[in-house]
Amino acid sequence: RDPVNIDRVVAQTPWENLDVDVVEAELDGEIHLCGKKESAFLEFELDIGMRVDVIRRIWYFDEVGGDVVHRWPAIVHIARFEARSSGIELSLGLEEVPAEYADEVTWYFREGLGYQFL
C-alpha cells in the first residue's frame, strides 16, 4: 500500500491482481564499513524475513453491495543476502495460499515486481 494514500495498492500480482501486503519484516546479520575514506564500501551478510498477507478482493455489484476479502498469510525468507552476490536465496512459505494462486505469488517474488522490491 502507498503510505500516503491507504486506498492505493502499490504491490499487486499481474494476473489475478492479488494484493501483497508486508505485515512484518525482520532483519538479522552483520554490516561492516570497509576501505578508506575515499573508497569506502559496505560489506554485509543479512538474513531477511517477512510476514506477508496475500489478499484477494471480490467485488459485488448488486443490491447487497460491498466486497468479500480473502486473506492468506505467507512467509518470505532471504537467506545470506550479501553485498556482492549475483542473486538471492529466496524461500517462500505459501502453505495457506490456495494452489491456484500460489504459482502466481511464487512468480511474483522470484521474477516479477516483488523481486525488484526485495
N, C-alpha and C. Protein backbone atom coordinates (compact mmCIF):
# COMPACT_ATOMS: atom_id res chain seq x y z
N ARG A 1 0.83 -1.19 0.00
CA ARG A 1 0.00 0.00 0.00
C ARG A 1 0.87 1.24 0.00
N ASP A 2 0.33 2.25 -0.60
CA ASP A 2 1.01 3.55 -0.62
C ASP A 2 0.90 4.17 0.77
N PRO A 3 2.03 4.53 1.42
CA PRO A 3 1.95 5.09 2.78
C PRO A 3 1.23 6.43 2.83
N VAL A 4 1.17 7.15 1.71
CA VAL A 4 0.49 8.45 1.69
C VAL A 4 -1.01 8.28 1.51
N ASN A 5 -1.42 7.30 0.68
CA ASN A 5 -2.84 7.06 0.40
C ASN A 5 -3.14 5.59 0.64
N ILE A 6 -3.78 5.27 1.75
CA ILE A 6 -4.02 3.88 2.13
C ILE A 6 -4.93 3.14 1.16
N ASP A 7 -5.73 3.84 0.38
CA ASP A 7 -6.63 3.20 -0.57
C ASP A 7 -5.92 2.78 -1.86
N ARG A 8 -4.70 3.22 -2.06
CA ARG A 8 -3.95 2.91 -3.28
C ARG A 8 -3.04 1.71 -3.03
N VAL A 9 -3.18 0.69 -3.84
CA VAL A 9 -2.36 -0.51 -3.73
C VAL A 9 -1.15 -0.37 -4.63
N VAL A 10 0.03 -0.60 -4.08
CA VAL A 10 1.26 -0.47 -4.84
C VAL A 10 1.74 -1.82 -5.34
N ALA A 11 1.57 -2.86 -4.55
CA ALA A 11 2.08 -4.19 -4.91
C ALA A 11 0.92 -5.12 -5.25
N GLN A 12 0.82 -5.49 -6.53
CA GLN A 12 -0.20 -6.43 -6.98
C GLN A 12 0.42 -7.41 -7.95
N THR A 13 -0.06 -8.65 -7.90
CA THR A 13 0.38 -9.63 -8.88
C THR A 13 -0.29 -9.32 -10.22
N PRO A 14 0.32 -9.72 -11.33
CA PRO A 14 -0.14 -9.24 -12.63
C PRO A 14 -1.44 -9.86 -13.17
N TRP A 15 -1.75 -11.11 -12.84
CA TRP A 15 -2.89 -11.76 -13.50
C TRP A 15 -4.15 -11.73 -12.66
N GLU A 16 -4.06 -12.15 -11.43
CA GLU A 16 -5.24 -12.21 -10.57
C GLU A 16 -5.40 -10.94 -9.73
N ASN A 17 -4.46 -10.01 -9.84
CA ASN A 17 -4.48 -8.76 -9.07
C ASN A 17 -4.59 -9.02 -7.57
N LEU A 18 -3.80 -9.97 -7.10
CA LEU A 18 -3.73 -10.24 -5.67
C LEU A 18 -2.89 -9.15 -5.01
N ASP A 19 -3.37 -8.59 -3.93
CA ASP A 19 -2.58 -7.62 -3.18
C ASP A 19 -1.57 -8.37 -2.32
N VAL A 20 -0.36 -7.83 -2.22
CA VAL A 20 0.67 -8.40 -1.36
C VAL A 20 1.07 -7.33 -0.36
N ASP A 21 0.67 -7.51 0.90
CA ASP A 21 0.96 -6.54 1.95
C ASP A 21 2.02 -7.10 2.89
N VAL A 22 3.07 -6.34 3.15
CA VAL A 22 4.08 -6.73 4.13
C VAL A 22 3.54 -6.37 5.51
N VAL A 23 3.35 -7.38 6.34
CA VAL A 23 2.82 -7.19 7.68
C VAL A 23 3.94 -6.91 8.67
N GLU A 24 5.04 -7.65 8.50
CA GLU A 24 6.16 -7.52 9.44
C GLU A 24 7.44 -7.92 8.71
N ALA A 25 8.52 -7.23 9.01
CA ALA A 25 9.83 -7.58 8.43
C ALA A 25 10.85 -7.66 9.55
N GLU A 26 11.78 -8.61 9.40
CA GLU A 26 12.83 -8.79 10.40
C GLU A 26 14.16 -8.91 9.69
N LEU A 27 15.16 -8.26 10.22
CA LEU A 27 16.48 -8.20 9.61
C LEU A 27 17.51 -8.63 10.65
N ASP A 28 18.41 -9.54 10.24
CA ASP A 28 19.45 -10.02 11.15
C ASP A 28 20.72 -10.20 10.34
N GLY A 29 21.86 -9.92 10.93
CA GLY A 29 23.12 -10.12 10.23
C GLY A 29 24.16 -9.10 10.63
N GLU A 30 25.15 -8.95 9.75
CA GLU A 30 26.27 -8.05 10.02
C GLU A 30 26.48 -7.11 8.85
N ILE A 31 26.81 -5.86 9.18
CA ILE A 31 27.15 -4.86 8.18
C ILE A 31 28.46 -4.20 8.62
N HIS A 32 29.41 -4.11 7.69
CA HIS A 32 30.70 -3.50 8.01
C HIS A 32 31.01 -2.41 6.98
N LEU A 33 31.57 -1.32 7.46
CA LEU A 33 32.08 -0.28 6.58
C LEU A 33 33.56 -0.55 6.39
N CYS A 34 33.98 -0.76 5.14
CA CYS A 34 35.36 -1.15 4.84
C CYS A 34 36.01 -0.12 3.94
N GLY A 35 37.33 -0.18 3.88
CA GLY A 35 38.08 0.67 2.97
C GLY A 35 38.50 1.97 3.61
N LYS A 36 39.05 2.84 2.77
CA LYS A 36 39.50 4.15 3.22
C LYS A 36 38.43 5.18 2.93
N LYS A 37 38.64 6.37 3.42
CA LYS A 37 37.66 7.44 3.30
C LYS A 37 37.23 7.67 1.85
N GLU A 38 38.19 7.66 0.93
CA GLU A 38 37.90 7.94 -0.48
C GLU A 38 37.23 6.77 -1.18
N SER A 39 37.46 5.57 -0.72
CA SER A 39 36.91 4.39 -1.41
C SER A 39 36.24 3.43 -0.42
N ALA A 40 35.39 3.98 0.42
CA ALA A 40 34.69 3.16 1.40
C ALA A 40 33.56 2.39 0.75
N PHE A 41 33.27 1.23 1.28
CA PHE A 41 32.15 0.44 0.78
C PHE A 41 31.56 -0.37 1.93
N LEU A 42 30.32 -0.77 1.76
CA LEU A 42 29.65 -1.58 2.75
C LEU A 42 29.80 -3.05 2.39
N GLU A 43 30.10 -3.84 3.39
CA GLU A 43 30.14 -5.28 3.21
C GLU A 43 29.13 -5.84 4.21
N PHE A 44 28.22 -6.67 3.72
CA PHE A 44 27.18 -7.17 4.60
C PHE A 44 26.76 -8.59 4.24
N GLU A 45 26.24 -9.25 5.24
CA GLU A 45 25.61 -10.55 5.08
C GLU A 45 24.38 -10.54 5.98
N LEU A 46 23.21 -10.59 5.36
CA LEU A 46 21.96 -10.41 6.09
C LEU A 46 21.02 -11.58 5.87
N ASP A 47 20.22 -11.84 6.87
CA ASP A 47 19.06 -12.73 6.74
C ASP A 47 17.84 -11.82 6.88
N ILE A 48 16.95 -11.89 5.91
CA ILE A 48 15.78 -11.04 5.89
C ILE A 48 14.53 -11.92 5.88
N GLY A 49 13.63 -11.67 6.77
CA GLY A 49 12.37 -12.41 6.82
C GLY A 49 11.20 -11.45 6.79
N MET A 50 10.15 -11.84 6.08
CA MET A 50 8.95 -11.01 6.02
C MET A 50 7.73 -11.89 6.20
N ARG A 51 6.79 -11.37 6.94
CA ARG A 51 5.47 -11.98 7.02
C ARG A 51 4.57 -11.14 6.14
N VAL A 52 3.97 -11.75 5.13
CA VAL A 52 3.13 -11.01 4.19
C VAL A 52 1.73 -11.60 4.20
N ASP A 53 0.78 -10.78 3.79
CA ASP A 53 -0.58 -11.24 3.56
C ASP A 53 -0.85 -11.18 2.07
N VAL A 54 -1.34 -12.26 1.52
CA VAL A 54 -1.79 -12.31 0.13
C VAL A 54 -3.31 -12.12 0.19
N ILE A 55 -3.81 -11.10 -0.49
CA ILE A 55 -5.21 -10.72 -0.35
C ILE A 55 -5.91 -10.78 -1.70
N ARG A 56 -7.07 -11.40 -1.70
CA ARG A 56 -7.92 -11.48 -2.90
C ARG A 56 -9.23 -10.79 -2.56
N ARG A 57 -9.53 -9.72 -3.28
CA ARG A 57 -10.77 -8.99 -3.07
C ARG A 57 -11.76 -9.35 -4.19
N ILE A 58 -12.96 -9.62 -3.80
CA ILE A 58 -14.02 -9.90 -4.77
C ILE A 58 -15.08 -8.83 -4.58
N TRP A 59 -15.36 -8.11 -5.64
CA TRP A 59 -16.33 -7.01 -5.60
C TRP A 59 -17.67 -7.50 -6.12
N TYR A 60 -18.73 -7.15 -5.40
CA TYR A 60 -20.09 -7.50 -5.83
C TYR A 60 -20.83 -6.21 -6.14
N PHE A 61 -21.47 -6.18 -7.29
CA PHE A 61 -22.25 -5.01 -7.69
C PHE A 61 -23.72 -5.44 -7.80
N ASP A 62 -24.37 -5.56 -6.67
CA ASP A 62 -25.78 -5.90 -6.65
C ASP A 62 -26.44 -5.13 -5.51
N GLU A 63 -27.67 -5.51 -5.16
CA GLU A 63 -28.38 -4.77 -4.12
C GLU A 63 -27.72 -4.91 -2.75
N VAL A 64 -26.98 -6.00 -2.53
CA VAL A 64 -26.29 -6.17 -1.26
C VAL A 64 -25.07 -5.27 -1.19
N GLY A 65 -24.33 -5.19 -2.29
CA GLY A 65 -23.14 -4.33 -2.37
C GLY A 65 -22.00 -4.85 -1.52
N GLY A 66 -20.91 -4.09 -1.49
CA GLY A 66 -19.77 -4.44 -0.66
C GLY A 66 -18.78 -5.35 -1.37
N ASP A 67 -17.90 -5.89 -0.60
CA ASP A 67 -16.88 -6.77 -1.16
C ASP A 67 -16.56 -7.88 -0.16
N VAL A 68 -15.96 -8.93 -0.67
CA VAL A 68 -15.52 -10.05 0.16
C VAL A 68 -14.00 -10.08 0.07
N VAL A 69 -13.34 -10.22 1.20
CA VAL A 69 -11.89 -10.22 1.24
C VAL A 69 -11.41 -11.59 1.73
N HIS A 70 -10.53 -12.22 0.95
CA HIS A 70 -9.87 -13.44 1.35
C HIS A 70 -8.42 -13.08 1.65
N ARG A 71 -7.92 -13.49 2.81
CA ARG A 71 -6.56 -13.13 3.25
C ARG A 71 -5.84 -14.39 3.68
N TRP A 72 -4.65 -14.61 3.09
CA TRP A 72 -3.84 -15.78 3.43
C TRP A 72 -2.46 -15.33 3.86
N PRO A 73 -1.98 -15.76 5.03
CA PRO A 73 -0.62 -15.41 5.47
C PRO A 73 0.43 -16.21 4.71
N ALA A 74 1.58 -15.60 4.51
CA ALA A 74 2.70 -16.26 3.83
C ALA A 74 4.00 -15.74 4.43
N ILE A 75 5.07 -16.48 4.18
CA ILE A 75 6.40 -16.13 4.68
C ILE A 75 7.35 -15.99 3.50
N VAL A 76 8.16 -14.92 3.52
CA VAL A 76 9.23 -14.73 2.54
C VAL A 76 10.54 -14.66 3.32
N HIS A 77 11.52 -15.50 2.95
CA HIS A 77 12.80 -15.52 3.66
C HIS A 77 13.94 -15.42 2.66
N ILE A 78 14.82 -14.48 2.90
CA ILE A 78 16.02 -14.32 2.08
C ILE A 78 17.21 -14.66 2.97
N ALA A 79 17.87 -15.75 2.66
CA ALA A 79 19.00 -16.21 3.47
C ALA A 79 20.30 -15.72 2.87
N ARG A 80 21.18 -15.26 3.71
CA ARG A 80 22.53 -14.85 3.31
C ARG A 80 22.54 -13.87 2.13
N PHE A 81 21.84 -12.76 2.29
CA PHE A 81 21.87 -11.70 1.29
C PHE A 81 23.19 -10.96 1.46
N GLU A 82 24.03 -10.98 0.42
CA GLU A 82 25.38 -10.43 0.52
C GLU A 82 25.56 -9.26 -0.46
N ALA A 83 26.52 -8.40 -0.13
CA ALA A 83 26.75 -7.18 -0.90
C ALA A 83 27.13 -7.46 -2.34
N ARG A 84 27.95 -8.44 -2.58
CA ARG A 84 28.47 -8.66 -3.93
C ARG A 84 27.94 -9.95 -4.56
N SER A 85 26.79 -10.41 -4.11
CA SER A 85 26.26 -11.65 -4.69
C SER A 85 25.45 -11.34 -5.95
N SER A 86 25.41 -12.29 -6.85
CA SER A 86 24.71 -12.08 -8.12
C SER A 86 23.22 -12.37 -8.00
N GLY A 87 22.79 -13.09 -7.00
CA GLY A 87 21.38 -13.42 -6.83
C GLY A 87 21.05 -13.59 -5.36
N ILE A 88 19.81 -13.90 -5.10
CA ILE A 88 19.40 -14.10 -3.71
C ILE A 88 18.83 -15.50 -3.56
N GLU A 89 19.00 -16.05 -2.35
CA GLU A 89 18.39 -17.32 -2.00
C GLU A 89 17.04 -17.01 -1.36
N LEU A 90 16.00 -17.28 -2.09
CA LEU A 90 14.65 -16.92 -1.66
C LEU A 90 13.85 -18.18 -1.36
N SER A 91 13.27 -18.25 -0.18
CA SER A 91 12.36 -19.36 0.12
C SER A 91 11.01 -18.76 0.53
N LEU A 92 9.97 -19.43 0.08
CA LEU A 92 8.62 -18.94 0.32
C LEU A 92 7.82 -19.97 1.10
N GLY A 93 7.07 -19.52 2.06
CA GLY A 93 6.15 -20.37 2.81
C GLY A 93 4.73 -20.01 2.42
N LEU A 94 4.19 -20.74 1.44
CA LEU A 94 2.86 -20.42 0.91
C LEU A 94 1.85 -21.53 1.22
N GLU A 95 2.02 -22.21 2.33
CA GLU A 95 1.18 -23.36 2.65
C GLU A 95 -0.30 -22.99 2.73
N GLU A 96 -0.62 -21.80 3.20
CA GLU A 96 -2.03 -21.42 3.38
C GLU A 96 -2.62 -20.72 2.16
N VAL A 97 -1.79 -20.37 1.18
CA VAL A 97 -2.28 -19.74 -0.04
C VAL A 97 -2.85 -20.84 -0.94
N PRO A 98 -4.08 -20.69 -1.46
CA PRO A 98 -4.65 -21.73 -2.33
C PRO A 98 -3.76 -22.02 -3.53
N ALA A 99 -3.78 -23.27 -3.96
CA ALA A 99 -2.90 -23.72 -5.05
C ALA A 99 -3.07 -22.90 -6.31
N GLU A 100 -4.28 -22.46 -6.62
CA GLU A 100 -4.49 -21.70 -7.86
C GLU A 100 -3.82 -20.32 -7.83
N TYR A 101 -3.44 -19.85 -6.64
CA TYR A 101 -2.77 -18.55 -6.54
C TYR A 101 -1.29 -18.69 -6.16
N ALA A 102 -0.89 -19.82 -5.62
CA ALA A 102 0.48 -20.00 -5.13
C ALA A 102 1.51 -19.84 -6.24
N ASP A 103 1.24 -20.38 -7.43
CA ASP A 103 2.20 -20.24 -8.54
C ASP A 103 2.40 -18.78 -8.93
N GLU A 104 1.32 -18.02 -8.93
CA GLU A 104 1.42 -16.60 -9.29
C GLU A 104 2.20 -15.82 -8.25
N VAL A 105 1.97 -16.09 -6.97
CA VAL A 105 2.71 -15.41 -5.91
C VAL A 105 4.19 -15.80 -5.95
N THR A 106 4.46 -17.07 -6.23
CA THR A 106 5.85 -17.51 -6.37
C THR A 106 6.54 -16.78 -7.51
N TRP A 107 5.89 -16.71 -8.67
CA TRP A 107 6.46 -15.99 -9.81
C TRP A 107 6.69 -14.52 -9.46
N TYR A 108 5.73 -13.92 -8.77
CA TYR A 108 5.81 -12.51 -8.40
C TYR A 108 7.07 -12.22 -7.58
N PHE A 109 7.39 -13.09 -6.62
CA PHE A 109 8.56 -12.86 -5.78
C PHE A 109 9.87 -13.32 -6.42
N ARG A 110 9.83 -14.30 -7.28
CA ARG A 110 11.07 -14.81 -7.88
C ARG A 110 11.47 -14.08 -9.16
N GLU A 111 10.49 -13.60 -9.94
CA GLU A 111 10.81 -12.99 -11.23
C GLU A 111 10.10 -11.66 -11.49
N GLY A 112 9.01 -11.42 -10.82
CA GLY A 112 8.18 -10.25 -11.10
C GLY A 112 8.59 -9.03 -10.32
N LEU A 113 7.62 -8.14 -10.15
CA LEU A 113 7.86 -6.87 -9.47
C LEU A 113 8.26 -7.05 -8.01
N GLY A 114 7.77 -8.11 -7.38
CA GLY A 114 8.15 -8.39 -5.99
C GLY A 114 9.64 -8.60 -5.83
N TYR A 115 10.28 -9.21 -6.83
CA TYR A 115 11.73 -9.41 -6.82
C TYR A 115 12.45 -8.07 -6.82
N GLN A 116 11.94 -7.11 -7.58
CA GLN A 116 12.55 -5.78 -7.61
C GLN A 116 12.38 -5.07 -6.28
N PHE A 117 11.24 -5.29 -5.60
CA PHE A 117 11.04 -4.69 -4.28
C PHE A 117 12.04 -5.24 -3.27
N LEU A 118 12.37 -6.55 -3.43
CA LEU A 118 13.31 -7.18 -2.50
C LEU A 118 14.70 -6.63 -2.74
